[in-house]
Structures are given as structure tokens and as C-alpha cells.
């Protein structure tokens, strides 16, 4: 018998992006295609929004950036990161890894 995904920690996926970024659009497509096939917490963060200045300072020249983290009890694990160009399969591999993290 194989354990179900429900027994694993849930993955949290954040896409750091900005408007007018072609690579960001491609990255978003890869993540949303995976999200259609399997559940995980997904959010997008526009680094150009005034309230996200701290992220702009970190990722202004690197978007798109993807953080994949395991949701552990009351906190998130250290993020595994993908930069610039990544495939749906690369995202899925990190989500799998995060979900196997013990809580």
C-alpha cells in the first residue's frame, strides 16, 4: 500500500514576478499547469508593488523566481528556489521534495 499525498507536508509555492515580463508569463504557465493537476498552496507576488519593496530589493533583476517550501506546523521550511527559466517538471520535482519533508 502506498501512502497518499495527504500524509505528507503540503507544499507552498510562491512565484515572484512583475508585469511585462515574458519569462514571468512562461513561468506562470508552467506553475499553473502543474497546479491544475495537483493541489498545493500557490501565490504570486508582484515585486514592483510598493508593499513588496523588500522583495524587489532582492529579486529586481532575477524574476521570475519560484520559492517552493514545505508547510510545517506553524512555519514554512527554507525555500528551494528556481530562477528565470524552469519547466513544469522541475517545479513538480521541488513540490514532491517539499511534500516529503517531515513535519
PDB file of N, CA and C in Angstrom:
ATOM      1  N   UNK A   1       0.840  -1.174   0.000  1.00  0.00           N
ATOM      2  CA  UNK A   1       0.000   0.000   0.000  1.00  0.00           C
ATOM      3  C   UNK A   1       0.889   1.243   0.000  1.00  0.00           C
ATOM      4  N   UNK A   2       0.513   2.246  -0.779  1.00  0.00           N
ATOM      5  CA  UNK A   2       1.272   3.488  -0.881  1.00  0.00           C
ATOM      6  C   UNK A   2       0.583   4.578  -0.075  1.00  0.00           C
ATOM      7  N   UNK A   3       1.360   5.373   0.656  1.00  0.00           N
ATOM      8  CA  UNK A   3       0.734   6.481   1.392  1.00  0.00           C
ATOM      9  C   UNK A   3       0.201   7.521   0.415  1.00  0.00           C
ATOM     10  N   UNK A   4      -0.856   8.168   0.819  1.00  0.00           N
ATOM     11  CA  UNK A   4      -1.414   9.227  -0.022  1.00  0.00           C
ATOM     12  C   UNK A   4      -0.670  10.520   0.221  1.00  0.00           C
ATOM     13  N   UNK A   5      -0.812  11.468  -0.695  1.00  0.00           N
ATOM     14  CA  UNK A   5      -0.177  12.776  -0.547  1.00  0.00           C
ATOM     15  C   UNK A   5      -0.652  13.486   0.718  1.00  0.00           C
ATOM     16  N   UNK A   6      -1.834  13.146   1.187  1.00  0.00           N
ATOM     17  CA  UNK A   6      -2.385  13.816   2.366  1.00  0.00           C
ATOM     18  C   UNK A   6      -1.533  13.574   3.611  1.00  0.00           C
ATOM     19  N   UNK A   7      -0.737  12.504   3.612  1.00  0.00           N
ATOM     20  CA  UNK A   7       0.113  12.214   4.752  1.00  0.00           C
ATOM     21  C   UNK A   7       1.389  13.053   4.755  1.00  0.00           C
ATOM     22  N   UNK A   8       1.687  13.689   3.651  1.00  0.00           N
ATOM     23  CA  UNK A   8       2.888  14.496   3.534  1.00  0.00           C
ATOM     24  C   UNK A   8       2.593  15.954   3.878  1.00  0.00           C
ATOM     25  N   UNK A   9       3.653  16.709   4.124  1.00  0.00           N
ATOM     26  CA  UNK A   9       3.509  18.150   4.335  1.00  0.00           C
ATOM     27  C   UNK A   9       3.039  18.775   3.034  1.00  0.00           C
ATOM     28  N   UNK A  10       2.169  19.750   3.127  1.00  0.00           N
ATOM     29  CA  UNK A  10       1.665  20.432   1.937  1.00  0.00           C
ATOM     30  C   UNK A  10       2.695  21.442   1.448  1.00  0.00           C
ATOM     31  N   UNK A  11       2.865  21.509   0.135  1.00  0.00           N
ATOM     32  CA  UNK A  11       3.824  22.447  -0.437  1.00  0.00           C
ATOM     33  C   UNK A  11       3.211  23.840  -0.556  1.00  0.00           C
ATOM     34  N   UNK A  12       4.044  24.840  -0.361  1.00  0.00           N
ATOM     35  CA  UNK A  12       3.677  26.232  -0.564  1.00  0.00           C
ATOM     36  C   UNK A  12       4.567  26.770  -1.680  1.00  0.00           C
ATOM     37  N   UNK A  13       3.944  27.279  -2.735  1.00  0.00           N
ATOM     38  CA  UNK A  13       4.672  27.734  -3.919  1.00  0.00           C
ATOM     39  C   UNK A  13       4.383  29.221  -4.126  1.00  0.00           C
ATOM     40  N   UNK A  14       5.436  30.018  -4.224  1.00  0.00           N
ATOM     41  CA  UNK A  14       5.301  31.455  -4.456  1.00  0.00           C
ATOM     42  C   UNK A  14       6.094  31.830  -5.696  1.00  0.00           C
ATOM     43  N   UNK A  15       5.418  32.493  -6.630  1.00  0.00           N
ATOM     44  CA  UNK A  15       6.066  32.989  -7.837  1.00  0.00           C
ATOM     45  C   UNK A  15       6.283  34.490  -7.693  1.00  0.00           C
ATOM     46  N   UNK A  16       7.541  34.907  -7.719  1.00  0.00           N
ATOM     47  CA  UNK A  16       7.892  36.318  -7.681  1.00  0.00           C
ATOM     48  C   UNK A  16       7.972  36.799  -9.126  1.00  0.00           C
ATOM     49  N   UNK A  17       7.200  37.821  -9.450  1.00  0.00           N
ATOM     50  CA  UNK A  17       7.011  38.220 -10.833  1.00  0.00           C
ATOM     51  C   UNK A  17       6.869  39.731 -10.943  1.00  0.00           C
ATOM     52  N   UNK A  18       6.693  40.213 -12.167  1.00  0.00           N
ATOM     53  CA  UNK A  18       6.329  41.611 -12.404  1.00  0.00           C
ATOM     54  C   UNK A  18       5.657  41.700 -13.770  1.00  0.00           C
ATOM     55  N   UNK A  19       4.885  42.746 -13.966  1.00  0.00           N
ATOM     56  CA  UNK A  19       4.153  42.946 -15.220  1.00  0.00           C
ATOM     57  C   UNK A  19       5.128  43.202 -16.362  1.00  0.00           C
ATOM     58  N   UNK A  20       4.743  42.750 -17.555  1.00  0.00           N
ATOM     59  CA  UNK A  20       5.546  42.995 -18.739  1.00  0.00           C
ATOM     60  C   UNK A  20       6.775  42.119 -18.856  1.00  0.00           C
ATOM     61  N   UNK A  21       6.825  41.047 -18.111  1.00  0.00           N
ATOM     62  CA  UNK A  21       7.978  40.136 -18.095  1.00  0.00           C
ATOM     63  C   UNK A  21       7.592  38.849 -18.830  1.00  0.00           C
ATOM     64  N   UNK A  22       8.148  38.649 -20.013  1.00  0.00           N
ATOM     65  CA  UNK A  22       7.834  37.460 -20.799  1.00  0.00           C
ATOM     66  C   UNK A  22       8.238  36.165 -20.119  1.00  0.00           C
ATOM     67  N   UNK A  23       9.402  36.152 -19.477  1.00  0.00           N
ATOM     68  CA  UNK A  23       9.830  34.958 -18.748  1.00  0.00           C
ATOM     69  C   UNK A  23       8.871  34.652 -17.597  1.00  0.00           C
ATOM     70  N   UNK A  24       8.341  35.708 -16.989  1.00  0.00           N
ATOM     71  CA  UNK A  24       7.383  35.540 -15.895  1.00  0.00           C
ATOM     72  C   UNK A  24       6.102  34.878 -16.401  1.00  0.00           C
ATOM     73  N   UNK A  25       5.649  35.280 -17.585  1.00  0.00           N
ATOM     74  CA  UNK A  25       4.446  34.676 -18.167  1.00  0.00           C
ATOM     75  C   UNK A  25       4.661  33.195 -18.437  1.00  0.00           C
ATOM     76  N   UNK A  26       5.837  32.840 -18.948  1.00  0.00           N
ATOM     77  CA  UNK A  26       6.162  31.436 -19.219  1.00  0.00           C
ATOM     78  C   UNK A  26       6.230  30.642 -17.912  1.00  0.00           C
ATOM     79  N   UNK A  27       6.850  31.222 -16.898  1.00  0.00           N
ATOM     80  CA  UNK A  27       6.954  30.566 -15.592  1.00  0.00           C
ATOM     81  C   UNK A  27       5.573  30.357 -14.984  1.00  0.00           C
ATOM     82  N   UNK A  28       4.731  31.383 -15.074  1.00  0.00           N
ATOM     83  CA  UNK A  28       3.376  31.282 -14.530  1.00  0.00           C
ATOM     84  C   UNK A  28       2.608  30.155 -15.206  1.00  0.00           C
ATOM     85  N   UNK A  29       2.772  30.017 -16.513  1.00  0.00           N
ATOM     86  CA  UNK A  29       2.099  28.946 -17.245  1.00  0.00           C
ATOM     87  C   UNK A  29       2.545  27.574 -16.720  1.00  0.00           C
ATOM     88  N   UNK A  30       3.848  27.392 -16.522  1.00  0.00           N
ATOM     89  CA  UNK A  30       4.363  26.115 -16.025  1.00  0.00           C
ATOM     90  C   UNK A  30       3.781  25.783 -14.655  1.00  0.00           C
ATOM     91  N   UNK A  31       3.733  26.778 -13.775  1.00  0.00           N
ATOM     92  CA  UNK A  31       3.229  26.546 -12.413  1.00  0.00           C
ATOM     93  C   UNK A  31       1.723  26.287 -12.432  1.00  0.00           C
ATOM     94  N   UNK A  32       0.974  27.057 -13.205  1.00  0.00           N
ATOM     95  CA  UNK A  32      -0.479  26.879 -13.213  1.00  0.00           C
ATOM     96  C   UNK A  32      -0.886  25.559 -13.861  1.00  0.00           C
ATOM     97  N   UNK A  33      -0.116  25.097 -14.844  1.00  0.00           N
ATOM     98  CA  UNK A  33      -0.417  23.783 -15.429  1.00  0.00           C
ATOM     99  C   UNK A  33      -0.259  22.684 -14.386  1.00  0.00           C
ATOM    100  N   UNK A  34       0.807  22.753 -13.597  1.00  0.00           N
ATOM    101  CA  UNK A  34       1.008  21.774 -12.527  1.00  0.00           C
ATOM    102  C   UNK A  34      -0.086  21.914 -11.474  1.00  0.00           C
ATOM    103  N   UNK A  35      -0.435  23.142 -11.128  1.00  0.00           N
ATOM    104  CA  UNK A  35      -1.452  23.385 -10.101  1.00  0.00           C
ATOM    105  C   UNK A  35      -2.813  22.820 -10.520  1.00  0.00           C
ATOM    106  N   UNK A  36      -3.088  22.773 -11.802  1.00  0.00           N
ATOM    107  CA  UNK A  36      -4.333  22.176 -12.284  1.00  0.00           C
ATOM    108  C   UNK A  36      -4.363  20.670 -12.031  1.00  0.00           C
ATOM    109  N   UNK A  37      -3.192  20.046 -12.025  1.00  0.00           N
ATOM    110  CA  UNK A  37      -3.103  18.591 -11.863  1.00  0.00           C
ATOM    111  C   UNK A  37      -3.001  18.135 -10.419  1.00  0.00           C
ATOM    112  N   UNK A  38      -2.498  18.990  -9.546  1.00  0.00           N
ATOM    113  CA  UNK A  38      -2.324  18.571  -8.150  1.00  0.00           C
ATOM    114  C   UNK A  38      -2.400  19.770  -7.216  1.00  0.00           C
ATOM    115  N   UNK A  39      -2.900  19.553  -6.020  1.00  0.00           N
ATOM    116  CA  UNK A  39      -3.091  20.670  -5.089  1.00  0.00           C
ATOM    117  C   UNK A  39      -1.802  21.060  -4.360  1.00  0.00           C
ATOM    118  N   UNK A  40      -1.617  22.345  -4.202  1.00  0.00           N
ATOM    119  CA  UNK A  40      -0.609  22.925  -3.326  1.00  0.00           C
ATOM    120  C   UNK A  40      -0.997  24.388  -3.151  1.00  0.00           C
ATOM    121  N   UNK A  41      -0.482  25.012  -2.109  1.00  0.00           N
ATOM    122  CA  UNK A  41      -0.767  26.428  -1.880  1.00  0.00           C
ATOM    123  C   UNK A  41       0.053  27.230  -2.885  1.00  0.00           C
ATOM    124  N   UNK A  42      -0.630  28.085  -3.650  1.00  0.00           N
ATOM    125  CA  UNK A  42       0.047  28.853  -4.696  1.00  0.00           C
ATOM    126  C   UNK A  42      -0.280  30.328  -4.567  1.00  0.00           C
ATOM    127  N   UNK A  43       0.756  31.150  -4.658  1.00  0.00           N
ATOM    128  CA  UNK A  43       0.545  32.598  -4.657  1.00  0.00           C
ATOM    129  C   UNK A  43       1.555  33.247  -5.594  1.00  0.00           C
ATOM    130  N   UNK A  44       1.162  34.413  -6.082  1.00  0.00           N
ATOM    131  CA  UNK A  44       2.045  35.220  -6.914  1.00  0.00           C
ATOM    132  C   UNK A  44       2.305  36.525  -6.178  1.00  0.00           C
ATOM    133  N   UNK A  45       3.518  37.020  -6.307  1.00  0.00           N
ATOM    134  CA  UNK A  45       3.891  38.244  -5.633  1.00  0.00           C
ATOM    135  C   UNK A  45       4.558  39.165  -6.654  1.00  0.00           C
ATOM    136  N   UNK A  46       3.924  40.292  -6.917  1.00  0.00           N
ATOM    137  CA  UNK A  46       4.466  41.291  -7.841  1.00  0.00           C
ATOM    138  C   UNK A  46       5.503  42.114  -7.089  1.00  0.00           C
ATOM    139  N   UNK A  47       6.758  41.959  -7.460  1.00  0.00           N
ATOM    140  CA  UNK A  47       7.819  42.642  -6.721  1.00  0.00           C
ATOM    141  C   UNK A  47       7.801  44.157  -6.918  1.00  0.00           C
ATOM    142  N   UNK A  48       7.057  44.633  -7.901  1.00  0.00           N
ATOM    143  CA  UNK A  48       7.004  46.073  -8.159  1.00  0.00           C
ATOM    144  C   UNK A  48       5.924  46.785  -7.326  1.00  0.00           C
ATOM    145  N   UNK A  49       5.076  46.033  -6.665  1.00  0.00           N
ATOM    146  CA  UNK A  49       4.065  46.638  -5.798  1.00  0.00           C
ATOM    147  C   UNK A  49       4.775  47.297  -4.610  1.00  0.00           C
ATOM    148  N   UNK A  50       4.342  48.484  -4.225  1.00  0.00           N
ATOM    149  CA  UNK A  50       5.031  49.203  -3.138  1.00  0.00           C
ATOM    150  C   UNK A  50       5.185  48.388  -1.848  1.00  0.00           C
ATOM    151  N   UNK A  51       4.192  47.597  -1.522  1.00  0.00           N
ATOM    152  CA  UNK A  51       4.266  46.810  -0.280  1.00  0.00           C
ATOM    153  C   UNK A  51       5.262  45.655  -0.365  1.00  0.00           C
ATOM    154  N   UNK A  52       5.795  45.385  -1.560  1.00  0.00           N
ATOM    155  CA  UNK A  52       6.751  44.283  -1.743  1.00  0.00           C
ATOM    156  C   UNK A  52       8.167  44.781  -2.010  1.00  0.00           C
ATOM    157  N   UNK A  53       8.462  46.003  -1.553  1.00  0.00           N
ATOM    158  CA  UNK A  53       9.774  46.594  -1.802  1.00  0.00           C
ATOM    159  C   UNK A  53      10.917  45.702  -1.322  1.00  0.00           C
ATOM    160  N   UNK A  54      10.738  45.043  -0.202  1.00  0.00           N
ATOM    161  CA  UNK A  54      11.819  44.193   0.306  1.00  0.00           C
ATOM    162  C   UNK A  54      12.150  43.069  -0.678  1.00  0.00           C
ATOM    163  N   UNK A  55      11.127  42.547  -1.351  1.00  0.00           N
ATOM    164  CA  UNK A  55      11.371  41.505  -2.360  1.00  0.00           C
ATOM    165  C   UNK A  55      11.956  42.104  -3.630  1.00  0.00           C
ATOM    166  N   UNK A  56      11.555  43.311  -3.976  1.00  0.00           N
ATOM    167  CA  UNK A  56      12.137  43.990  -5.139  1.00  0.00           C
ATOM    168  C   UNK A  56      13.640  44.157  -4.928  1.00  0.00           C
ATOM    169  N   UNK A  57      14.032  44.545  -3.725  1.00  0.00           N
ATOM    170  CA  UNK A  57      15.447  44.731  -3.417  1.00  0.00           C
ATOM    171  C   UNK A  57      16.245  43.440  -3.610  1.00  0.00           C
ATOM    172  N   UNK A  58      15.616  42.298  -3.399  1.00  0.00           N
ATOM    173  CA  UNK A  58      16.287  41.010  -3.530  1.00  0.00           C
ATOM    174  C   UNK A  58      16.251  40.488  -4.972  1.00  0.00           C
ATOM    175  N   UNK A  59      15.090  40.593  -5.620  1.00  0.00           N
ATOM    176  CA  UNK A  59      14.878  39.905  -6.898  1.00  0.00           C
ATOM    177  C   UNK A  59      14.652  40.810  -8.110  1.00  0.00           C
ATOM    178  N   UNK A  60      14.928  42.099  -8.004  1.00  0.00           N
ATOM    179  CA  UNK A  60      14.610  43.018  -9.095  1.00  0.00           C
ATOM    180  C   UNK A  60      15.159  42.566 -10.448  1.00  0.00           C
ATOM    181  N   UNK A  61      16.350  42.014 -10.479  1.00  0.00           N
ATOM    182  CA  UNK A  61      16.961  41.617 -11.752  1.00  0.00           C
ATOM    183  C   UNK A  61      16.925  40.105 -11.969  1.00  0.00           C
ATOM    184  N   UNK A  62      16.171  39.385 -11.168  1.00  0.00           N
ATOM    185  CA  UNK A  62      16.161  37.927 -11.254  1.00  0.00           C
ATOM    186  C   UNK A  62      14.810  37.304 -11.584  1.00  0.00           C
ATOM    187  N   UNK A  63      13.724  38.084 -11.630  1.00  0.00           N
ATOM    188  CA  UNK A  63      12.421  37.474 -11.860  1.00  0.00           C
ATOM    189  C   UNK A  63      12.374  36.824 -13.243  1.00  0.00           C
ATOM    190  N   UNK A  64      11.629  35.749 -13.362  1.00  0.00           N
ATOM    191  CA  UNK A  64      10.824  35.124 -12.317  1.00  0.00           C
ATOM    192  C   UNK A  64      11.669  34.262 -11.379  1.00  0.00           C
ATOM    193  N   UNK A  65      11.229  34.231 -10.141  1.00  0.00           N
ATOM    194  CA  UNK A  65      11.832  33.373  -9.124  1.00  0.00           C
ATOM    195  C   UNK A  65      10.703  32.599  -8.475  1.00  0.00           C
ATOM    196  N   UNK A  66      10.943  31.323  -8.259  1.00  0.00           N
ATOM    197  CA  UNK A  66       9.943  30.467  -7.627  1.00  0.00           C
ATOM    198  C   UNK A  66      10.503  29.946  -6.315  1.00  0.00           C
ATOM    199  N   UNK A  67       9.732  30.107  -5.240  1.00  0.00           N
ATOM    200  CA  UNK A  67      10.057  29.511  -3.944  1.00  0.00           C
ATOM    201  C   UNK A  67       9.107  28.335  -3.729  1.00  0.00           C
ATOM    202  N   UNK A  68       9.665  27.185  -3.385  1.00  0.00           N
ATOM    203  CA  UNK A  68       8.862  26.019  -3.037  1.00  0.00           C
ATOM    204  C   UNK A  68       9.271  25.625  -1.628  1.00  0.00           C
ATOM    205  N   UNK A  69       8.268  25.587  -0.733  1.00  0.00           N
ATOM    206  CA  UNK A  69       8.530  25.309   0.675  1.00  0.00           C
ATOM    207  C   UNK A  69       7.539  24.283   1.209  1.00  0.00           C
ATOM    208  N   UNK A  70       7.971  23.556   2.211  1.00  0.00           N
ATOM    209  CA  UNK A  70       7.065  22.657   2.918  1.00  0.00           C
ATOM    210  C   UNK A  70       6.383  23.445   4.024  1.00  0.00           C
ATOM    211  N   UNK A  71       5.083  23.260   4.162  1.00  0.00           N
ATOM    212  CA  UNK A  71       4.332  23.885   5.249  1.00  0.00           C
ATOM    213  C   UNK A  71       4.441  22.972   6.456  1.00  0.00           C
ATOM    214  N   UNK A  72       5.224  23.402   7.421  1.00  0.00           N
ATOM    215  CA  UNK A  72       5.474  22.602   8.621  1.00  0.00           C
ATOM    216  C   UNK A  72       4.786  23.245   9.814  1.00  0.00           C
ATOM    217  N   UNK A  73       3.826  22.565  10.372  1.00  0.00           N
ATOM    218  CA  UNK A  73       3.073  23.064  11.530  1.00  0.00           C
ATOM    219  C   UNK A  73       2.767  24.547  11.394  1.00  0.00           C
ATOM    220  N   UNK A  74       3.485  25.417  12.106  1.00  0.00           N
ATOM    221  CA  UNK A  74       3.190  26.856  12.090  1.00  0.00           C
ATOM    222  C   UNK A  74       4.197  27.676  11.291  1.00  0.00           C
ATOM    223  N   UNK A  75       5.011  27.024  10.478  1.00  0.00           N
ATOM    224  CA  UNK A  75       6.021  27.766   9.727  1.00  0.00           C
ATOM    225  C   UNK A  75       6.304  27.078   8.400  1.00  0.00           C
ATOM    226  N   UNK A  76       7.084  27.739   7.558  1.00  0.00           N
ATOM    227  CA  UNK A  76       7.495  27.180   6.281  1.00  0.00           C
ATOM    228  C   UNK A  76       8.960  26.802   6.346  1.00  0.00           C
ATOM    229  N   UNK A  77       9.321  25.772   5.603  1.00  0.00           N
ATOM    230  CA  UNK A  77      10.720  25.364   5.529  1.00  0.00           C
ATOM    231  C   UNK A  77      11.520  26.392   4.736  1.00  0.00           C
ATOM    232  N   UNK A  78      12.822  26.258   4.747  1.00  0.00           N
ATOM    233  CA  UNK A  78      13.668  27.092   3.891  1.00  0.00           C
ATOM    234  C   UNK A  78      13.263  26.843   2.441  1.00  0.00           C
ATOM    235  N   UNK A  79      13.166  27.894   1.635  1.00  0.00           N
ATOM    236  CA  UNK A  79      12.706  27.686   0.263  1.00  0.00           C
ATOM    237  C   UNK A  79      13.748  27.043  -0.634  1.00  0.00           C
ATOM    238  N   UNK A  80      13.275  26.147  -1.482  1.00  0.00           N
ATOM    239  CA  UNK A  80      14.046  25.678  -2.626  1.00  0.00           C
ATOM    240  C   UNK A  80      13.677  26.647  -3.725  1.00  0.00           C
ATOM    241  N   UNK A  81      14.644  27.059  -4.536  1.00  0.00           N
ATOM    242  CA  UNK A  81      14.383  28.133  -5.489  1.00  0.00           C
ATOM    243  C   UNK A  81      14.688  27.705  -6.920  1.00  0.00           C
ATOM    244  N   UNK A  82      13.883  28.238  -7.826  1.00  0.00           N
ATOM    245  CA  UNK A  82      14.143  28.131  -9.257  1.00  0.00           C
ATOM    246  C   UNK A  82      14.183  29.551  -9.804  1.00  0.00           C
ATOM    247  N   UNK A  83      15.117  29.813 -10.703  1.00  0.00           N
ATOM    248  CA  UNK A  83      15.277  31.147 -11.275  1.00  0.00           C
ATOM    249  C   UNK A  83      15.082  31.124 -12.792  1.00  0.00           C
ATOM    250  N   UNK A  84      14.513  32.192 -13.305  1.00  0.00           N
ATOM    251  CA  UNK A  84      14.429  32.531 -14.721  1.00  0.00           C
ATOM    252  C   UNK A  84      13.631  31.534 -15.567  1.00  0.00           C
ATOM    253  N   UNK A  85      14.278  30.491 -16.035  1.00  0.00           N
ATOM    254  CA  UNK A  85      13.627  29.524 -16.925  1.00  0.00           C
ATOM    255  C   UNK A  85      13.540  28.179 -16.210  1.00  0.00           C
ATOM    256  N   UNK A  86      12.325  27.671 -16.087  1.00  0.00           N
ATOM    257  CA  UNK A  86      12.144  26.357 -15.492  1.00  0.00           C
ATOM    258  C   UNK A  86      10.920  25.704 -16.098  1.00  0.00           C
ATOM    259  N   UNK A  87      10.918  24.393 -16.040  1.00  0.00           N
ATOM    260  CA  UNK A  87       9.844  23.614 -16.649  1.00  0.00           C
ATOM    261  C   UNK A  87       8.834  23.174 -15.594  1.00  0.00           C
ATOM    262  N   UNK A  88       7.698  22.741 -16.080  1.00  0.00           N
ATOM    263  CA  UNK A  88       6.666  22.184 -15.195  1.00  0.00           C
ATOM    264  C   UNK A  88       7.229  20.999 -14.419  1.00  0.00           C
ATOM    265  N   UNK A  89       8.064  20.182 -15.074  1.00  0.00           N
ATOM    266  CA  UNK A  89       8.648  19.010 -14.410  1.00  0.00           C
ATOM    267  C   UNK A  89       9.596  19.425 -13.288  1.00  0.00           C
ATOM    268  N   UNK A  90      10.375  20.474 -13.483  1.00  0.00           N
ATOM    269  CA  UNK A  90      11.271  20.948 -12.432  1.00  0.00           C
ATOM    270  C   UNK A  90      10.477  21.451 -11.232  1.00  0.00           C
ATOM    271  N   UNK A  91       9.378  22.136 -11.497  1.00  0.00           N
ATOM    272  CA  UNK A  91       8.511  22.608 -10.410  1.00  0.00           C
ATOM    273  C   UNK A  91       7.929  21.403  -9.677  1.00  0.00           C
ATOM    274  N   UNK A  92       7.443  20.438 -10.419  1.00  0.00           N
ATOM    275  CA  UNK A  92       6.849  19.249  -9.796  1.00  0.00           C
ATOM    276  C   UNK A  92       7.866  18.512  -8.931  1.00  0.00           C
ATOM    277  N   UNK A  93       9.099  18.419  -9.387  1.00  0.00           N
ATOM    278  CA  UNK A  93      10.133  17.750  -8.590  1.00  0.00           C
ATOM    279  C   UNK A  93      10.342  18.449  -7.249  1.00  0.00           C
ATOM    280  N   UNK A  94      10.355  19.781  -7.250  1.00  0.00           N
ATOM    281  CA  UNK A  94      10.522  20.507  -5.990  1.00  0.00           C
ATOM    282  C   UNK A  94       9.291  20.391  -5.100  1.00  0.00           C
ATOM    283  N   UNK A  95       8.106  20.385  -5.698  1.00  0.00           N
ATOM    284  CA  UNK A  95       6.876  20.200  -4.915  1.00  0.00           C
ATOM    285  C   UNK A  95       6.897  18.816  -4.263  1.00  0.00           C
ATOM    286  N   UNK A  96       7.289  17.787  -5.031  1.00  0.00           N
ATOM    287  CA  UNK A  96       7.405  16.441  -4.471  1.00  0.00           C
ATOM    288  C   UNK A  96       8.366  16.425  -3.291  1.00  0.00           C
ATOM    289  N   UNK A  97       9.515  17.047  -3.462  1.00  0.00           N
ATOM    290  CA  UNK A  97      10.522  17.097  -2.404  1.00  0.00           C
ATOM    291  C   UNK A  97       9.981  17.801  -1.155  1.00  0.00           C
ATOM    292  N   UNK A  98       9.297  18.926  -1.368  1.00  0.00           N
ATOM    293  CA  UNK A  98       8.739  19.669  -0.234  1.00  0.00           C
ATOM    294  C   UNK A  98       7.680  18.855   0.497  1.00  0.00           C
ATOM    295  N   UNK A  99       6.862  18.138  -0.257  1.00  0.00           N
ATOM    296  CA  UNK A  99       5.770  17.382   0.367  1.00  0.00           C
ATOM    297  C   UNK A  99       6.268  16.163   1.119  1.00  0.00           C
ATOM    298  N   UNK A 100       7.467  15.733   0.831  1.00  0.00           N
ATOM    299  CA  UNK A 100       8.044  14.594   1.545  1.00  0.00           C
ATOM    300  C   UNK A 100       8.773  15.019   2.813  1.00  0.00           C
ATOM    301  N   UNK A 101       8.901  16.321   3.021  1.00  0.00           N
ATOM    302  CA  UNK A 101       9.547  16.844   4.219  1.00  0.00           C
ATOM    303  C   UNK A 101       8.696  16.505   5.439  1.00  0.00           C
ATOM    304  N   UNK A 102       9.346  15.984   6.440  1.00  0.00           N
ATOM    305  CA  UNK A 102       8.606  15.613   7.655  1.00  0.00           C
ATOM    306  C   UNK A 102       8.261  16.847   8.444  1.00  0.00           C
ATOM    307  N   UNK A 103       7.033  16.845   8.995  1.00  0.00           N
ATOM    308  CA  UNK A 103       6.583  17.993   9.794  1.00  0.00           C
ATOM    309  C   UNK A 103       7.158  17.977  11.184  1.00  0.00           C
TER     310      UNK A 103
END
